[in-house]
């Protein structure tokens, strides 16, 4: 991936952004870090249930 990670734009209601900021603050993270943590947890849980995803078989990521 190099020095820069790909960017992903997310559209979400303002109340959820506020709640995310609150949770992130409680966990001493930035909102972006909290989102990354939650996504990684979700993917790991999904893979436990459905099996590992073979990333080598997936298309390359294109930035928004």
Protein backbone atom coordinates (compact mmCIF):
# COMPACT_ATOMS: atom_id res chain seq x y z
CA UNK A 1 0.00 0.00 0.00
CA UNK A 2 2.94 2.35 0.34
CA UNK A 3 3.05 5.38 2.60
CA UNK A 4 -0.60 6.33 2.14
CA UNK A 5 -3.63 4.22 2.85
CA UNK A 6 -6.57 4.40 0.44
CA UNK A 7 -9.40 6.76 1.42
CA UNK A 8 -13.03 5.77 1.79
CA UNK A 9 -15.83 8.33 1.98
CA UNK A 10 -18.82 7.42 4.14
CA UNK A 11 -22.14 9.23 4.25
CA UNK A 12 -23.86 8.88 7.61
CA UNK A 13 -26.41 10.81 9.67
CA UNK A 14 -25.07 13.56 11.90
CA UNK A 15 -26.31 11.89 15.12
CA UNK A 16 -24.18 8.82 14.34
CA UNK A 17 -21.14 11.00 13.75
CA UNK A 18 -21.68 12.61 17.16
CA UNK A 19 -22.09 9.21 18.82
CA UNK A 20 -19.00 7.92 17.05
CA UNK A 21 -17.03 10.89 18.37
CA UNK A 22 -18.28 10.16 21.88
CA UNK A 23 -17.31 6.48 21.70
CA UNK A 24 -13.96 7.30 20.13
CA UNK A 25 -13.23 9.78 22.92
CA UNK A 26 -14.06 7.19 25.58
CA UNK A 27 -11.65 4.79 23.86
CA UNK A 28 -9.00 7.52 23.45
CA UNK A 29 -9.10 7.23 19.67
CA UNK A 30 -9.81 9.55 16.78
CA UNK A 31 -13.07 8.92 14.94
CA UNK A 32 -11.16 7.42 12.00
CA UNK A 33 -9.35 5.01 14.33
CA UNK A 34 -12.66 4.02 15.92
CA UNK A 35 -14.17 3.31 12.49
CA UNK A 36 -11.13 1.23 11.49
CA UNK A 37 -11.32 -0.72 14.76
CA UNK A 38 -15.04 -1.40 14.31
CA UNK A 39 -14.60 -2.48 10.68
CA UNK A 40 -11.75 -4.82 11.53
CA UNK A 41 -13.79 -6.37 14.35
CA UNK A 42 -16.76 -6.81 12.01
CA UNK A 43 -14.64 -8.44 9.30
CA UNK A 44 -12.98 -10.79 11.81
CA UNK A 45 -16.38 -11.85 13.18
CA UNK A 46 -17.71 -12.37 9.66
CA UNK A 47 -14.71 -14.53 8.76
CA UNK A 48 -15.15 -16.63 11.91
CA UNK A 49 -18.70 -17.40 10.81
CA UNK A 50 -18.21 -17.70 7.03
CA UNK A 51 -14.52 -18.48 6.56
CA UNK A 52 -11.46 -16.47 5.58
CA UNK A 53 -11.73 -14.10 2.64
CA UNK A 54 -8.95 -14.67 0.11
CA UNK A 55 -7.87 -11.09 -0.61
CA UNK A 56 -5.62 -12.23 -3.47
CA UNK A 57 -8.77 -13.15 -5.43
CA UNK A 58 -10.40 -9.72 -4.96
CA UNK A 59 -10.02 -6.72 -7.30
CA UNK A 60 -7.65 -3.91 -6.37
CA UNK A 61 -9.03 -1.05 -4.30
CA UNK A 62 -9.68 2.21 -6.10
CA UNK A 63 -9.91 5.42 -4.10
CA UNK A 64 -13.17 7.39 -3.94
